[in-house]
C-alpha cells in the first residue's frame, strides 16, 4: 500500500491539515520528505503499536515453528529462494547456515525490539552470495595458502 508523501515544510506550516491527512490515509502513515536530512515516517502511536505487535507475533510464531519442526526448517530452506533469490549462489550448507543464523537473530532481535541485527545478517549473507556469484572473485577469496601471515597490524591513526 503506497504511503502519502508530504514535505517537511508542509508539516511545519500546515500541521493540523497534515494530521487530518494522516488520519484519512489508508496506510495511516505519511512519508515526510526532507531536503536536509533523512526522510521521516509519521504515523499514529496506535498504528505503530499495531504494526509492532503484528511483527512481533509473526516473528515469535515463525521462530517457534522453526525450533520445533524439522519439516518447517526444510520447507523454509526450500522456499528461501523466493524471498531471497540470491541464495541460488550459496552452497546448500550455507543456505542452511543462513536459515539457522536468521532464525536465531530474529529471536534475539525481537527480544530487544531492534530489527537492525536481522538486516545485518541478511546483508552479510547477500554479500557472501555476491562474492560466490563472481567466479574470479570467489577464486581469489577462497584460495587457501596454508600459511599463517601473523597478526594484522593496527591501522595508522593518521
C-alpha atoms as a PDB file:
ATOM      1  CA  UNK A   1       0.000   0.000   0.000  1.00  0.00           C
ATOM      2  CA  UNK A   2       1.578   3.301  -1.047  1.00  0.00           C
ATOM      3  CA  UNK A   3       2.173   5.889   1.627  1.00  0.00           C
ATOM      4  CA  UNK A   4       1.145   9.514   1.086  1.00  0.00           C
ATOM      5  CA  UNK A   5       4.068  11.906   0.838  1.00  0.00           C
ATOM      6  CA  UNK A   6       4.319  15.400   2.275  1.00  0.00           C
ATOM      7  CA  UNK A   7       7.169  17.843   2.560  1.00  0.00           C
ATOM      8  CA  UNK A   8       8.673  18.747   5.892  1.00  0.00           C
ATOM      9  CA  UNK A   9       7.702  22.356   5.163  1.00  0.00           C
ATOM     10  CA  UNK A  10       4.031  21.353   4.755  1.00  0.00           C
ATOM     11  CA  UNK A  11       4.174  19.550   8.073  1.00  0.00           C
ATOM     12  CA  UNK A  12       5.610  22.633   9.751  1.00  0.00           C
ATOM     13  CA  UNK A  13       3.348  25.189   8.089  1.00  0.00           C
ATOM     14  CA  UNK A  14       0.102  23.219   7.918  1.00  0.00           C
ATOM     15  CA  UNK A  15       0.408  20.830  10.863  1.00  0.00           C
ATOM     16  CA  UNK A  16      -3.301  20.399  11.569  1.00  0.00           C
ATOM     17  CA  UNK A  17      -4.106  19.739   7.910  1.00  0.00           C
ATOM     18  CA  UNK A  18      -1.282  17.183   7.734  1.00  0.00           C
ATOM     19  CA  UNK A  19      -2.582  15.385  10.841  1.00  0.00           C
ATOM     20  CA  UNK A  20      -6.034  15.243   9.236  1.00  0.00           C
ATOM     21  CA  UNK A  21      -4.452  13.881   6.050  1.00  0.00           C
ATOM     22  CA  UNK A  22      -2.654  11.274   8.161  1.00  0.00           C
ATOM     23  CA  UNK A  23      -5.908  10.267   9.823  1.00  0.00           C
ATOM     24  CA  UNK A  24      -7.618   9.788   6.436  1.00  0.00           C
ATOM     25  CA  UNK A  25      -4.673   7.992   4.828  1.00  0.00           C
ATOM     26  CA  UNK A  26      -5.367   4.297   4.087  1.00  0.00           C
ATOM     27  CA  UNK A  27      -1.933   3.367   5.436  1.00  0.00           C
ATOM     28  CA  UNK A  28      -2.354   5.713   8.420  1.00  0.00           C
ATOM     29  CA  UNK A  29       1.152   6.946   7.682  1.00  0.00           C
ATOM     30  CA  UNK A  30       2.764   9.862   5.905  1.00  0.00           C
ATOM     31  CA  UNK A  31       6.205   9.903   4.378  1.00  0.00           C
ATOM     32  CA  UNK A  32       7.726  13.247   5.326  1.00  0.00           C
ATOM     33  CA  UNK A  33      10.308  14.214   2.688  1.00  0.00           C
ATOM     34  CA  UNK A  34      13.228  16.307   3.865  1.00  0.00           C
ATOM     35  CA  UNK A  35      15.878  18.024   1.783  1.00  0.00           C
ATOM     36  CA  UNK A  36      18.476  18.388   4.513  1.00  0.00           C
ATOM     37  CA  UNK A  37      18.181  15.091   6.377  1.00  0.00           C
ATOM     38  CA  UNK A  38      16.755  11.598   6.290  1.00  0.00           C
ATOM     39  CA  UNK A  39      13.061  11.305   5.431  1.00  0.00           C
ATOM     40  CA  UNK A  40      10.645  10.560   8.254  1.00  0.00           C
ATOM     41  CA  UNK A  41       7.525   8.442   8.601  1.00  0.00           C
ATOM     42  CA  UNK A  42       4.700   9.995  10.563  1.00  0.00           C
ATOM     43  CA  UNK A  43       2.073   7.673  11.980  1.00  0.00           C
ATOM     44  CA  UNK A  44      -0.167   7.452  14.998  1.00  0.00           C
ATOM     45  CA  UNK A  45       1.045   5.778  18.165  1.00  0.00           C
ATOM     46  CA  UNK A  46      -1.840   3.310  17.941  1.00  0.00           C
ATOM     47  CA  UNK A  47      -0.881   2.316  14.378  1.00  0.00           C
ATOM     48  CA  UNK A  48       2.788   1.942  15.334  1.00  0.00           C
ATOM     49  CA  UNK A  49       1.813  -0.308  18.241  1.00  0.00           C
ATOM     50  CA  UNK A  50      -0.402  -2.452  15.977  1.00  0.00           C
ATOM     51  CA  UNK A  51       2.394  -2.865  13.438  1.00  0.00           C
ATOM     52  CA  UNK A  52       4.894  -3.713  16.171  1.00  0.00           C
ATOM     53  CA  UNK A  53       2.545  -6.268  17.735  1.00  0.00           C
ATOM     54  CA  UNK A  54       1.865  -7.922  14.376  1.00  0.00           C
ATOM     55  CA  UNK A  55       5.560  -8.154  13.530  1.00  0.00           C
ATOM     56  CA  UNK A  56       6.414  -9.462  16.995  1.00  0.00           C
ATOM     57  CA  UNK A  57       3.764 -12.192  16.933  1.00  0.00           C
ATOM     58  CA  UNK A  58       4.736 -13.219  13.411  1.00  0.00           C
ATOM     59  CA  UNK A  59       8.400 -13.436  14.371  1.00  0.00           C
ATOM     60  CA  UNK A  60       7.716 -15.456  17.533  1.00  0.00           C
ATOM     61  CA  UNK A  61       5.430 -17.885  15.679  1.00  0.00           C
ATOM     62  CA  UNK A  62       7.953 -18.349  12.869  1.00  0.00           C
ATOM     63  CA  UNK A  63      10.830 -18.944  15.298  1.00  0.00           C
ATOM     64  CA  UNK A  64       8.761 -21.413  17.359  1.00  0.00           C
ATOM     65  CA  UNK A  65       7.857 -23.387  14.218  1.00  0.00           C
ATOM     66  CA  UNK A  66      11.476 -23.465  13.095  1.00  0.00           C
ATOM     67  CA  UNK A  67      12.677 -24.656  16.514  1.00  0.00           C
ATOM     68  CA  UNK A  68      10.068 -27.413  16.890  1.00  0.00           C
ATOM     69  CA  UNK A  69       9.528 -28.911  13.472  1.00  0.00           C
ATOM     70  CA  UNK A  70      12.282 -30.191  11.178  1.00  0.00           C
ATOM     71  CA  UNK A  71       9.792 -30.158   8.290  1.00  0.00           C
ATOM     72  CA  UNK A  72       9.314 -26.409   8.817  1.00  0.00           C
ATOM     73  CA  UNK A  73      13.088 -25.906   8.566  1.00  0.00           C
ATOM     74  CA  UNK A  74      13.171 -27.962   5.356  1.00  0.00           C
ATOM     75  CA  UNK A  75      10.254 -26.030   3.891  1.00  0.00           C
ATOM     76  CA  UNK A  76      11.804 -22.668   4.737  1.00  0.00           C
ATOM     77  CA  UNK A  77      15.076 -23.788   3.156  1.00  0.00           C
ATOM     78  CA  UNK A  78      13.158 -24.815   0.019  1.00  0.00           C
ATOM     79  CA  UNK A  79      11.196 -21.558  -0.304  1.00  0.00           C
ATOM     80  CA  UNK A  80      14.052 -19.250   0.676  1.00  0.00           C
ATOM     81  CA  UNK A  81      14.960 -18.558  -2.996  1.00  0.00           C
ATOM     82  CA  UNK A  82      11.519 -16.997  -3.471  1.00  0.00           C
ATOM     83  CA  UNK A  83      12.250 -14.497  -0.702  1.00  0.00           C
ATOM     84  CA  UNK A  84      15.983 -14.105  -1.327  1.00  0.00           C
ATOM     85  CA  UNK A  85      16.726 -15.100  -4.960  1.00  0.00           C
ATOM     86  CA  UNK A  86      20.447 -14.558  -4.389  1.00  0.00           C
ATOM     87  CA  UNK A  87      20.667 -17.716  -2.197  1.00  0.00           C
ATOM     88  CA  UNK A  88      20.945 -19.608  -5.501  1.00  0.00           C
ATOM     89  CA  UNK A  89      24.645 -18.689  -5.405  1.00  0.00           C
ATOM     90  CA  UNK A  90      25.171 -20.192  -1.942  1.00  0.00           C
ATOM     91  CA  UNK A  91      26.090 -23.843  -1.406  1.00  0.00           C
ATOM     92  CA  UNK A  92      23.277 -25.846   0.250  1.00  0.00           C
ATOM     93  CA  UNK A  93      25.177 -25.985   3.562  1.00  0.00           C
ATOM     94  CA  UNK A  94      25.458 -22.207   3.526  1.00  0.00           C
ATOM     95  CA  UNK A  95      21.730 -21.838   2.827  1.00  0.00           C
ATOM     96  CA  UNK A  96      21.028 -23.946   5.889  1.00  0.00           C
ATOM     97  CA  UNK A  97      23.532 -21.910   7.910  1.00  0.00           C
ATOM     98  CA  UNK A  98      21.808 -18.721   6.724  1.00  0.00           C
ATOM     99  CA  UNK A  99      18.408 -20.062   7.821  1.00  0.00           C
ATOM    100  CA  UNK A 100      19.775 -21.018  11.251  1.00  0.00           C
ATOM    101  CA  UNK A 101      21.509 -17.662  11.745  1.00  0.00           C
ATOM    102  CA  UNK A 102      18.444 -15.769  10.533  1.00  0.00           C
ATOM    103  CA  UNK A 103      16.111 -17.587  12.930  1.00  0.00           C
ATOM    104  CA  UNK A 104      18.491 -17.153  15.864  1.00  0.00           C
ATOM    105  CA  UNK A 105      18.903 -13.466  15.086  1.00  0.00           C
ATOM    106  CA  UNK A 106      15.162 -12.932  14.579  1.00  0.00           C
ATOM    107  CA  UNK A 107      14.506 -14.337  18.045  1.00  0.00           C
ATOM    108  CA  UNK A 108      17.237 -12.291  19.703  1.00  0.00           C
ATOM    109  CA  UNK A 109      16.384  -9.069  17.852  1.00  0.00           C
ATOM    110  CA  UNK A 110      12.690  -9.418  18.692  1.00  0.00           C
ATOM    111  CA  UNK A 111      13.573  -9.750  22.369  1.00  0.00           C
ATOM    112  CA  UNK A 112      15.460  -6.441  22.141  1.00  0.00           C
ATOM    113  CA  UNK A 113      12.826  -4.758  19.958  1.00  0.00           C
ATOM    114  CA  UNK A 114      15.572  -3.913  17.458  1.00  0.00           C
ATOM    115  CA  UNK A 115      15.352  -5.145  13.837  1.00  0.00           C
ATOM    116  CA  UNK A 116      18.829  -3.876  12.884  1.00  0.00           C
ATOM    117  CA  UNK A 117      20.641  -7.194  13.597  1.00  0.00           C
ATOM    118  CA  UNK A 118      18.241  -9.049  11.284  1.00  0.00           C
ATOM    119  CA  UNK A 119      19.019  -6.686   8.414  1.00  0.00           C
ATOM    120  CA  UNK A 120      22.733  -7.027   9.174  1.00  0.00           C
ATOM    121  CA  UNK A 121      22.551 -10.855   8.906  1.00  0.00           C
ATOM    122  CA  UNK A 122      20.635 -10.669   5.623  1.00  0.00           C
ATOM    123  CA  UNK A 123      23.086  -8.126   4.184  1.00  0.00           C
ATOM    124  CA  UNK A 124      26.117 -10.206   5.218  1.00  0.00           C
ATOM    125  CA  UNK A 125      24.759 -13.343   3.554  1.00  0.00           C
ATOM    126  CA  UNK A 126      23.736 -11.373   0.459  1.00  0.00           C
ATOM    127  CA  UNK A 127      27.301 -10.062   0.168  1.00  0.00           C
ATOM    128  CA  UNK A 128      28.605 -13.627   0.505  1.00  0.00           C
ATOM    129  CA  UNK A 129      26.318 -14.658  -2.363  1.00  0.00           C
ATOM    130  CA  UNK A 130      27.578 -11.702  -4.438  1.00  0.00           C
ATOM    131  CA  UNK A 131      31.161 -12.902  -4.000  1.00  0.00           C
ATOM    132  CA  UNK A 132      30.277 -16.506  -4.827  1.00  0.00           C
ATOM    133  CA  UNK A 133      28.361 -15.365  -7.922  1.00  0.00           C
ATOM    134  CA  UNK A 134      31.581 -13.966  -9.388  1.00  0.00           C
ATOM    135  CA  UNK A 135      33.883 -16.937 -10.130  1.00  0.00           C
ATOM    136  CA  UNK A 136      37.040 -14.823 -10.360  1.00  0.00           C
ATOM    137  CA  UNK A 137      36.387 -13.061  -7.073  1.00  0.00           C
ATOM    138  CA  UNK A 138      35.336 -16.303  -5.366  1.00  0.00           C
ATOM    139  CA  UNK A 139      38.567 -17.962  -6.522  1.00  0.00           C
ATOM    140  CA  UNK A 140      40.677 -15.145  -5.105  1.00  0.00           C
ATOM    141  CA  UNK A 141      38.908 -15.150  -1.753  1.00  0.00           C
ATOM    142  CA  UNK A 142      38.788 -18.925  -1.301  1.00  0.00           C
ATOM    143  CA  UNK A 143      42.453 -19.663  -2.013  1.00  0.00           C
ATOM    144  CA  UNK A 144      43.978 -21.368   0.979  1.00  0.00           C
ATOM    145  CA  UNK A 145      47.666 -20.632   1.280  1.00  0.00           C
ATOM    146  CA  UNK A 146      48.110 -22.716   4.404  1.00  0.00           C
ATOM    147  CA  UNK A 147      50.396 -20.020   5.703  1.00  0.00           C
ATOM    148  CA  UNK A 148      49.586 -18.003   8.770  1.00  0.00           C
ATOM    149  CA  UNK A 149      50.602 -14.498   7.886  1.00  0.00           C
ATOM    150  CA  UNK A 150      50.729 -13.474  11.524  1.00  0.00           C
ATOM    151  CA  UNK A 151      48.941 -10.699  13.370  1.00  0.00           C
ATOM    152  CA  UNK A 152      47.390  -7.876  11.419  1.00  0.00           C
ATOM    153  CA  UNK A 153      48.878  -4.519  12.398  1.00  0.00           C
ATOM    154  CA  UNK A 154      46.564  -1.792  13.651  1.00  0.00           C
ATOM    155  CA  UNK A 155      45.715   0.839  11.032  1.00  0.00           C
ATOM    156  CA  UNK A 156      47.564   4.137  11.182  1.00  0.00           C
ATOM    157  CA  UNK A 157      45.763   6.754  13.266  1.00  0.00           C
ATOM    158  CA  UNK A 158      46.683   9.493  10.792  1.00  0.00           C
END
